[in-house]
N, C-alpha and C. Protein backbone atom coordinates (compact mmCIF):
# COMPACT_ATOMS: atom_id res chain seq x y z
N UNK A 1 0.85 -1.17 0.00
CA UNK A 1 0.00 0.00 0.00
C UNK A 1 0.90 1.23 0.00
N UNK A 2 0.62 2.16 -0.90
CA UNK A 2 1.40 3.39 -1.00
C UNK A 2 0.45 4.57 -1.03
N UNK A 3 0.69 5.55 -0.16
CA UNK A 3 -0.16 6.74 -0.05
C UNK A 3 0.70 8.00 -0.15
N UNK A 4 0.19 8.97 -0.87
CA UNK A 4 0.88 10.25 -1.06
C UNK A 4 0.71 11.13 0.18
N UNK A 5 1.72 11.94 0.47
CA UNK A 5 1.65 12.91 1.56
C UNK A 5 1.18 14.24 0.97
N UNK A 6 0.08 14.76 1.51
CA UNK A 6 -0.46 16.05 1.07
C UNK A 6 0.08 17.15 1.97
N UNK A 7 0.49 18.25 1.36
CA UNK A 7 0.90 19.43 2.12
C UNK A 7 -0.33 20.28 2.37
N UNK A 8 -0.46 20.82 3.56
CA UNK A 8 -1.63 21.65 3.88
C UNK A 8 -1.63 22.91 3.01
N UNK A 9 -2.80 23.49 2.83
CA UNK A 9 -2.92 24.71 2.03
C UNK A 9 -2.06 25.82 2.61
N UNK A 10 -2.13 26.00 3.92
CA UNK A 10 -1.31 27.02 4.58
C UNK A 10 0.18 26.72 4.38
N UNK A 11 0.54 25.47 4.47
CA UNK A 11 1.94 25.08 4.27
C UNK A 11 2.42 25.40 2.86
N UNK A 12 1.57 25.14 1.86
CA UNK A 12 1.93 25.44 0.47
C UNK A 12 2.08 26.94 0.26
N UNK A 13 1.14 27.71 0.80
CA UNK A 13 1.20 29.17 0.66
C UNK A 13 2.45 29.71 1.36
N UNK A 14 2.69 29.26 2.58
CA UNK A 14 3.85 29.74 3.33
C UNK A 14 5.16 29.37 2.63
N UNK A 15 5.22 28.16 2.09
CA UNK A 15 6.42 27.71 1.37
C UNK A 15 6.69 28.60 0.16
N UNK A 16 5.66 28.87 -0.63
CA UNK A 16 5.80 29.71 -1.82
C UNK A 16 6.24 31.12 -1.42
N UNK A 17 5.61 31.69 -0.40
CA UNK A 17 5.98 33.04 0.04
C UNK A 17 7.40 33.10 0.59
N UNK A 18 7.77 32.11 1.40
CA UNK A 18 9.11 32.12 2.00
C UNK A 18 10.19 31.95 0.94
N UNK A 19 10.04 30.96 0.09
CA UNK A 19 11.05 30.72 -0.95
C UNK A 19 11.09 31.89 -1.93
N UNK A 20 9.92 32.39 -2.31
CA UNK A 20 9.86 33.51 -3.25
C UNK A 20 10.51 34.77 -2.71
N UNK A 21 10.22 35.12 -1.46
CA UNK A 21 10.78 36.35 -0.90
C UNK A 21 12.30 36.26 -0.73
N UNK A 22 12.78 35.12 -0.27
CA UNK A 22 14.22 34.97 -0.10
C UNK A 22 14.93 34.96 -1.45
N UNK A 23 14.35 34.29 -2.43
CA UNK A 23 14.93 34.25 -3.77
C UNK A 23 14.97 35.65 -4.40
N UNK A 24 13.88 36.39 -4.27
CA UNK A 24 13.84 37.76 -4.82
C UNK A 24 14.87 38.66 -4.14
N UNK A 25 15.02 38.51 -2.83
CA UNK A 25 16.02 39.30 -2.11
C UNK A 25 17.42 39.01 -2.64
N UNK A 26 17.73 37.74 -2.83
CA UNK A 26 19.06 37.37 -3.35
C UNK A 26 19.26 37.90 -4.77
N UNK A 27 18.27 37.76 -5.62
CA UNK A 27 18.39 38.23 -7.00
C UNK A 27 18.63 39.73 -7.04
N UNK A 28 17.86 40.48 -6.25
CA UNK A 28 18.04 41.93 -6.22
C UNK A 28 19.42 42.31 -5.70
N UNK A 29 19.91 41.60 -4.71
CA UNK A 29 21.23 41.90 -4.16
C UNK A 29 22.35 41.56 -5.13
N UNK A 30 22.20 40.49 -5.90
CA UNK A 30 23.25 40.09 -6.84
C UNK A 30 23.31 41.01 -8.07
N UNK A 31 22.28 41.82 -8.27
CA UNK A 31 22.31 42.78 -9.38
C UNK A 31 23.18 43.99 -9.03
N UNK A 32 23.49 44.17 -7.77
CA UNK A 32 24.36 45.27 -7.35
C UNK A 32 25.80 44.95 -7.71
N UNK A 33 26.62 45.98 -7.76
CA UNK A 33 28.04 45.76 -8.07
C UNK A 33 28.78 45.12 -6.91
N UNK A 34 28.41 45.46 -5.69
CA UNK A 34 29.03 44.85 -4.52
C UNK A 34 27.96 44.09 -3.74
N UNK A 35 28.20 42.81 -3.55
CA UNK A 35 27.26 41.98 -2.81
C UNK A 35 27.69 41.94 -1.35
N UNK A 36 26.74 42.24 -0.48
CA UNK A 36 27.05 42.27 0.95
C UNK A 36 27.19 40.84 1.50
N UNK A 37 27.91 40.72 2.58
CA UNK A 37 28.21 39.40 3.17
C UNK A 37 26.95 38.67 3.60
N UNK A 38 25.95 39.39 4.10
CA UNK A 38 24.74 38.73 4.59
C UNK A 38 24.00 38.02 3.46
N UNK A 39 24.17 38.48 2.23
CA UNK A 39 23.51 37.82 1.10
C UNK A 39 24.12 36.45 0.88
N UNK A 40 25.45 36.33 1.03
CA UNK A 40 26.10 35.04 0.89
C UNK A 40 25.66 34.09 2.00
N UNK A 41 25.49 34.62 3.19
CA UNK A 41 25.01 33.81 4.31
C UNK A 41 23.58 33.34 4.02
N UNK A 42 22.75 34.24 3.53
CA UNK A 42 21.38 33.89 3.18
C UNK A 42 21.34 32.83 2.07
N UNK A 43 22.19 32.99 1.08
CA UNK A 43 22.27 32.02 -0.01
C UNK A 43 22.73 30.65 0.52
N UNK A 44 23.69 30.63 1.41
CA UNK A 44 24.13 29.38 2.03
C UNK A 44 23.00 28.73 2.82
N UNK A 45 22.23 29.55 3.53
CA UNK A 45 21.09 29.04 4.29
C UNK A 45 20.06 28.43 3.34
N UNK A 46 19.80 29.06 2.22
CA UNK A 46 18.84 28.54 1.24
C UNK A 46 19.31 27.19 0.70
N UNK A 47 20.57 27.09 0.38
CA UNK A 47 21.12 25.83 -0.14
C UNK A 47 21.03 24.73 0.91
N UNK A 48 21.40 25.03 2.15
CA UNK A 48 21.32 24.05 3.23
C UNK A 48 19.87 23.63 3.46
N UNK A 49 18.96 24.59 3.53
CA UNK A 49 17.55 24.30 3.76
C UNK A 49 16.98 23.46 2.62
N UNK A 50 17.38 23.77 1.39
CA UNK A 50 16.93 23.00 0.23
C UNK A 50 17.40 21.55 0.31
N UNK A 51 18.65 21.35 0.69
CA UNK A 51 19.18 19.99 0.82
C UNK A 51 18.44 19.23 1.92
N UNK A 52 18.25 19.87 3.08
CA UNK A 52 17.54 19.22 4.18
C UNK A 52 16.11 18.88 3.78
N UNK A 53 15.48 19.76 3.03
CA UNK A 53 14.12 19.52 2.56
C UNK A 53 14.07 18.29 1.66
N UNK A 54 15.01 18.19 0.72
CA UNK A 54 15.05 17.03 -0.16
C UNK A 54 15.31 15.74 0.62
N UNK A 55 16.02 15.85 1.72
CA UNK A 55 16.39 14.69 2.53
C UNK A 55 15.30 14.26 3.50
N UNK A 56 14.50 15.21 4.02
CA UNK A 56 13.53 14.90 5.08
C UNK A 56 12.07 15.11 4.72
N UNK A 57 11.75 15.97 3.78
CA UNK A 57 10.35 16.27 3.47
C UNK A 57 9.66 15.04 2.87
N UNK A 58 8.60 14.55 3.51
CA UNK A 58 7.97 13.30 3.06
C UNK A 58 7.15 13.48 1.78
N UNK A 59 7.21 12.48 0.91
CA UNK A 59 6.40 12.49 -0.31
C UNK A 59 5.39 11.34 -0.31
N UNK A 60 5.81 10.17 0.17
CA UNK A 60 4.94 8.99 0.21
C UNK A 60 5.18 8.19 1.48
N UNK A 61 4.15 7.47 1.91
CA UNK A 61 4.27 6.48 2.96
C UNK A 61 3.86 5.15 2.32
N UNK A 62 4.72 4.15 2.46
CA UNK A 62 4.48 2.85 1.82
C UNK A 62 4.57 1.74 2.88
N UNK A 63 3.57 0.86 2.85
CA UNK A 63 3.56 -0.31 3.72
C UNK A 63 3.85 -1.54 2.87
N UNK A 64 4.91 -2.26 3.22
CA UNK A 64 5.26 -3.49 2.52
C UNK A 64 5.04 -4.67 3.48
N UNK A 65 5.38 -5.85 3.04
CA UNK A 65 5.20 -7.04 3.87
C UNK A 65 6.07 -7.03 5.13
N UNK A 66 7.20 -6.34 5.07
CA UNK A 66 8.09 -6.38 6.23
C UNK A 66 8.56 -5.01 6.72
N UNK A 67 8.05 -3.92 6.15
CA UNK A 67 8.48 -2.60 6.64
C UNK A 67 7.45 -1.52 6.31
N UNK A 68 7.56 -0.42 7.03
CA UNK A 68 6.82 0.80 6.77
C UNK A 68 7.85 1.82 6.33
N UNK A 69 7.68 2.40 5.16
CA UNK A 69 8.69 3.30 4.60
C UNK A 69 8.13 4.70 4.40
N UNK A 70 8.96 5.69 4.71
CA UNK A 70 8.66 7.08 4.38
C UNK A 70 9.61 7.46 3.26
N UNK A 71 9.05 7.82 2.10
CA UNK A 71 9.86 8.13 0.94
C UNK A 71 9.98 9.64 0.78
N UNK A 72 11.22 10.12 0.69
CA UNK A 72 11.50 11.52 0.42
C UNK A 72 12.17 11.60 -0.95
N UNK A 73 12.57 12.79 -1.36
CA UNK A 73 13.22 12.92 -2.66
C UNK A 73 14.56 12.21 -2.73
N UNK A 74 15.33 12.24 -1.63
CA UNK A 74 16.68 11.69 -1.66
C UNK A 74 16.88 10.38 -0.89
N UNK A 75 15.89 9.95 -0.13
CA UNK A 75 16.10 8.74 0.65
C UNK A 75 14.78 8.09 1.03
N UNK A 76 14.89 6.89 1.56
CA UNK A 76 13.74 6.17 2.10
C UNK A 76 14.06 5.84 3.55
N UNK A 77 13.23 6.33 4.46
CA UNK A 77 13.37 5.99 5.88
C UNK A 77 12.52 4.76 6.13
N UNK A 78 13.15 3.68 6.53
CA UNK A 78 12.46 2.41 6.67
C UNK A 78 12.32 2.02 8.14
N UNK A 79 11.12 1.57 8.50
CA UNK A 79 10.84 1.07 9.83
C UNK A 79 10.46 -0.41 9.70
N UNK A 80 11.35 -1.33 10.06
CA UNK A 80 10.99 -2.76 9.99
C UNK A 80 9.79 -3.05 10.88
N UNK A 81 8.86 -3.86 10.41
CA UNK A 81 7.65 -4.14 11.17
C UNK A 81 7.95 -4.82 12.50
N UNK A 82 9.01 -5.60 12.58
CA UNK A 82 9.33 -6.25 13.85
C UNK A 82 9.91 -5.28 14.88
N UNK A 83 10.19 -4.05 14.47
CA UNK A 83 10.65 -3.02 15.41
C UNK A 83 9.52 -2.11 15.88
N UNK A 84 8.35 -2.16 15.21
CA UNK A 84 7.21 -1.29 15.56
C UNK A 84 6.42 -1.95 16.68
N UNK A 85 6.27 -1.23 17.77
CA UNK A 85 5.56 -1.73 18.94
C UNK A 85 4.07 -1.42 18.88
N UNK A 86 3.72 -0.19 18.45
CA UNK A 86 2.32 0.22 18.44
C UNK A 86 2.09 1.28 17.37
N UNK A 87 0.83 1.37 16.95
CA UNK A 87 0.40 2.39 16.01
C UNK A 87 -0.96 2.92 16.47
N UNK A 88 -1.15 4.23 16.38
CA UNK A 88 -2.46 4.80 16.72
C UNK A 88 -2.67 6.10 15.96
N UNK A 89 -3.95 6.37 15.68
CA UNK A 89 -4.32 7.64 15.07
C UNK A 89 -4.13 8.70 16.15
N UNK A 90 -3.34 9.70 15.84
CA UNK A 90 -2.97 10.66 16.89
C UNK A 90 -2.55 11.97 16.26
N UNK A 91 -3.50 12.84 15.91
CA UNK A 91 -3.09 14.11 15.32
C UNK A 91 -2.38 14.98 16.36
N UNK A 92 -1.38 15.75 15.93
CA UNK A 92 -0.71 16.66 16.86
C UNK A 92 -1.67 17.76 17.29
N UNK A 93 -1.41 18.32 18.45
CA UNK A 93 -2.27 19.40 18.95
C UNK A 93 -1.56 20.73 18.76
N UNK A 94 -2.24 21.78 19.11
CA UNK A 94 -1.64 23.12 19.01
C UNK A 94 -0.55 23.31 20.06
N UNK A 95 -0.41 22.37 20.97
CA UNK A 95 0.62 22.49 22.01
C UNK A 95 1.98 22.00 21.55
N UNK A 96 2.05 21.47 20.30
CA UNK A 96 3.33 20.94 19.83
C UNK A 96 4.38 22.05 19.75
N UNK A 97 5.57 21.70 20.09
CA UNK A 97 6.70 22.63 20.03
C UNK A 97 7.77 22.04 19.13
N UNK A 98 8.22 22.81 18.17
CA UNK A 98 9.28 22.34 17.30
C UNK A 98 10.60 22.40 18.05
N UNK A 99 11.33 21.31 18.04
CA UNK A 99 12.66 21.28 18.63
C UNK A 99 13.68 21.61 17.55
N UNK A 100 13.60 20.92 16.42
CA UNK A 100 14.50 21.17 15.30
C UNK A 100 13.86 20.57 14.05
N UNK A 101 13.59 21.39 13.07
CA UNK A 101 12.98 20.89 11.84
C UNK A 101 12.12 21.95 11.19
N UNK A 102 11.22 21.51 10.33
CA UNK A 102 10.36 22.40 9.58
C UNK A 102 8.93 22.32 10.08
N UNK A 103 8.38 23.45 10.35
CA UNK A 103 6.98 23.52 10.77
C UNK A 103 6.22 24.24 9.68
N UNK A 104 5.79 23.51 8.69
CA UNK A 104 4.95 24.04 7.63
C UNK A 104 5.68 24.19 6.30
N UNK A 105 6.93 24.59 6.27
CA UNK A 105 7.64 24.77 5.01
C UNK A 105 7.98 23.41 4.43
N UNK A 106 7.40 23.07 3.30
CA UNK A 106 7.55 21.76 2.68
C UNK A 106 7.07 20.65 3.61
N UNK A 107 6.03 20.90 4.36
CA UNK A 107 5.47 19.93 5.29
C UNK A 107 6.09 20.06 6.67
N UNK A 108 5.75 19.11 7.51
CA UNK A 108 6.28 19.06 8.87
C UNK A 108 7.28 17.91 8.94
N UNK A 109 8.49 18.22 9.30
CA UNK A 109 9.51 17.19 9.47
C UNK A 109 10.53 17.69 10.48
N UNK A 110 11.03 16.77 11.24
CA UNK A 110 12.00 17.11 12.27
C UNK A 110 11.50 16.70 13.64
N UNK A 111 12.25 17.13 14.67
CA UNK A 111 11.93 16.77 16.05
C UNK A 111 10.92 17.76 16.63
N UNK A 112 9.88 17.22 17.26
CA UNK A 112 8.86 18.00 17.94
C UNK A 112 8.66 17.43 19.33
N UNK A 113 8.07 18.23 20.19
CA UNK A 113 7.74 17.79 21.55
C UNK A 113 6.32 18.25 21.84
N UNK A 114 5.57 17.35 22.45
CA UNK A 114 4.19 17.65 22.80
C UNK A 114 3.91 17.09 24.20
N UNK A 115 3.19 17.85 25.04
CA UNK A 115 2.97 17.39 26.42
C UNK A 115 2.31 16.00 26.52
N UNK A 116 1.32 15.73 25.69
CA UNK A 116 0.59 14.47 25.80
C UNK A 116 1.31 13.29 25.15
N UNK A 117 2.23 13.54 24.23
CA UNK A 117 2.91 12.47 23.50
C UNK A 117 4.36 12.33 23.92
N UNK A 118 5.02 13.45 24.13
CA UNK A 118 6.45 13.45 24.39
C UNK A 118 7.19 13.86 23.12
N UNK A 119 8.43 13.45 23.01
CA UNK A 119 9.27 13.82 21.88
C UNK A 119 9.05 12.82 20.74
N UNK A 120 8.95 13.35 19.51
CA UNK A 120 8.78 12.49 18.34
C UNK A 120 9.39 13.16 17.12
N UNK A 121 9.66 12.35 16.10
CA UNK A 121 10.13 12.85 14.81
C UNK A 121 8.94 12.84 13.87
N UNK A 122 8.75 13.93 13.14
CA UNK A 122 7.58 14.07 12.27
C UNK A 122 7.95 13.92 10.80
N UNK A 123 7.07 13.27 10.07
CA UNK A 123 7.12 13.18 8.62
C UNK A 123 5.67 13.29 8.13
N UNK A 124 5.11 14.50 8.01
CA UNK A 124 3.74 14.62 7.52
C UNK A 124 3.51 15.98 6.87
N UNK A 125 2.39 16.09 6.17
CA UNK A 125 2.05 17.32 5.47
C UNK A 125 0.86 18.04 6.07
N UNK A 126 -0.14 17.28 6.52
CA UNK A 126 -1.34 17.85 7.15
C UNK A 126 -1.54 17.19 8.51
N UNK A 127 -1.82 18.02 9.50
CA UNK A 127 -2.01 17.50 10.86
C UNK A 127 -3.25 16.60 10.95
N UNK A 128 -4.21 16.81 10.07
CA UNK A 128 -5.44 16.01 10.10
C UNK A 128 -5.24 14.61 9.50
N UNK A 129 -4.08 14.35 8.92
CA UNK A 129 -3.82 13.06 8.26
C UNK A 129 -2.63 12.35 8.91
N UNK A 130 -2.63 12.24 10.22
CA UNK A 130 -1.44 11.69 10.89
C UNK A 130 -1.76 10.48 11.76
N UNK A 131 -0.72 9.70 12.00
CA UNK A 131 -0.76 8.61 12.96
C UNK A 131 0.61 8.49 13.59
N UNK A 132 0.65 7.92 14.77
CA UNK A 132 1.88 7.82 15.56
C UNK A 132 2.31 6.37 15.64
N UNK A 133 3.59 6.13 15.38
CA UNK A 133 4.13 4.78 15.61
C UNK A 133 5.16 4.87 16.73
N UNK A 134 5.18 3.84 17.54
CA UNK A 134 6.15 3.75 18.64
C UNK A 134 7.00 2.52 18.38
N UNK A 135 8.30 2.71 18.42
CA UNK A 135 9.23 1.61 18.18
C UNK A 135 9.64 0.95 19.50
N UNK A 136 10.18 -0.25 19.39
CA UNK A 136 10.66 -0.96 20.58
C UNK A 136 11.77 -0.19 21.28
N UNK A 137 12.51 0.61 20.53
CA UNK A 137 13.59 1.41 21.11
C UNK A 137 13.08 2.58 21.95
N UNK A 138 11.77 2.86 21.85
CA UNK A 138 11.19 3.99 22.58
C UNK A 138 11.01 5.22 21.71
N UNK A 139 11.64 5.24 20.54
CA UNK A 139 11.47 6.37 19.62
C UNK A 139 10.06 6.39 19.06
N UNK A 140 9.57 7.61 18.82
CA UNK A 140 8.23 7.79 18.28
C UNK A 140 8.32 8.59 16.98
N UNK A 141 7.42 8.27 16.05
CA UNK A 141 7.38 8.95 14.76
C UNK A 141 5.94 9.30 14.43
N UNK A 142 5.70 10.57 14.11
CA UNK A 142 4.40 11.02 13.66
C UNK A 142 4.46 11.03 12.14
N UNK A 143 3.68 10.15 11.50
CA UNK A 143 3.67 10.03 10.06
C UNK A 143 2.31 10.49 9.53
N UNK A 144 2.30 10.92 8.29
CA UNK A 144 1.04 11.36 7.71
C UNK A 144 0.98 11.09 6.23
N UNK A 145 -0.25 10.82 5.74
CA UNK A 145 -0.47 10.57 4.33
C UNK A 145 -1.97 10.64 4.07
N UNK A 146 -2.34 10.59 2.78
CA UNK A 146 -3.76 10.48 2.43
C UNK A 146 -4.29 9.19 3.04
N UNK A 147 -5.54 9.23 3.44
CA UNK A 147 -6.17 8.04 4.03
C UNK A 147 -5.33 7.45 5.15
N UNK A 148 -4.90 8.31 6.05
CA UNK A 148 -4.01 7.87 7.14
C UNK A 148 -4.67 6.83 8.04
N UNK A 149 -5.97 6.94 8.22
CA UNK A 149 -6.67 5.96 9.05
C UNK A 149 -6.58 4.57 8.41
N UNK A 150 -6.77 4.51 7.10
CA UNK A 150 -6.65 3.24 6.37
C UNK A 150 -5.23 2.68 6.48
N UNK A 151 -4.24 3.56 6.35
CA UNK A 151 -2.84 3.13 6.46
C UNK A 151 -2.55 2.61 7.87
N UNK A 152 -3.01 3.32 8.90
CA UNK A 152 -2.78 2.90 10.28
C UNK A 152 -3.46 1.56 10.57
N UNK A 153 -4.68 1.37 10.05
CA UNK A 153 -5.39 0.10 10.26
C UNK A 153 -4.68 -1.04 9.54
N UNK A 154 -4.21 -0.79 8.32
CA UNK A 154 -3.47 -1.82 7.57
C UNK A 154 -2.18 -2.18 8.30
N UNK A 155 -1.51 -1.18 8.85
CA UNK A 155 -0.28 -1.42 9.61
C UNK A 155 -0.59 -2.24 10.87
N UNK A 156 -1.66 -1.87 11.58
CA UNK A 156 -2.03 -2.62 12.79
C UNK A 156 -2.37 -4.07 12.44
N UNK A 157 -3.09 -4.29 11.34
CA UNK A 157 -3.40 -5.66 10.90
C UNK A 157 -2.12 -6.44 10.58
N UNK A 158 -1.22 -5.78 9.89
CA UNK A 158 0.05 -6.43 9.53
C UNK A 158 0.85 -6.77 10.79
N UNK A 159 0.86 -5.88 11.77
CA UNK A 159 1.57 -6.14 13.03
C UNK A 159 0.94 -7.31 13.77
N UNK A 160 -0.40 -7.38 13.78
CA UNK A 160 -1.09 -8.49 14.45
C UNK A 160 -0.79 -9.81 13.75
N UNK A 161 -0.78 -9.83 12.42
CA UNK A 161 -0.45 -11.05 11.68
C UNK A 161 0.97 -11.52 11.99
N UNK A 162 1.89 -10.55 12.05
CA UNK A 162 3.29 -10.89 12.35
C UNK A 162 3.43 -11.47 13.76
N UNK A 163 2.66 -10.93 14.73
CA UNK A 163 2.71 -11.45 16.09
C UNK A 163 2.21 -12.88 16.15
N UNK A 164 1.13 -13.16 15.39
CA UNK A 164 0.56 -14.50 15.38
C UNK A 164 1.51 -15.51 14.75
N UNK A 165 2.17 -15.11 13.69
CA UNK A 165 3.10 -16.04 13.03
C UNK A 165 4.37 -16.26 13.84
N UNK A 166 4.76 -15.27 14.65
CA UNK A 166 5.95 -15.40 15.49
C UNK A 166 5.66 -16.14 16.79
N UNK A 167 4.38 -16.27 17.14
CA UNK A 167 4.02 -16.93 18.41
C UNK A 167 4.07 -18.42 18.30
């Protein structure tokens, strides 16, 4: 099962405005005869942010026979099913605090902390399309995709089947 990650409308608007304004600022500054140092710093920040976005911004969530995968532009983050302890539908609340990552720009990805959940790594586009997985290691991941409830139920079924076959 493979499901696409949708970016929220606000996230898409914010992404376009942020990237557009920074790009326009750099273009206007490079038209000058002398480019100020802060423009080079800004350009370096844009390049770094772009690379991190390609590396972490989720595009698809895929459930296979033995793993749950989050696919980004440059990599696939794989969670083996035998490492997943639990899955539940659990949208983030307004109390979430970003520790390090993106909150809205190209989706939500990175480390977040929430009073009711604790610390987790996020890979989602819309808060209304999320589910939480807890690994045996204690790490938690907030994932999101279209039809997230269907994906979470399919994952729970797959986990139950694996438990029965291992018993």
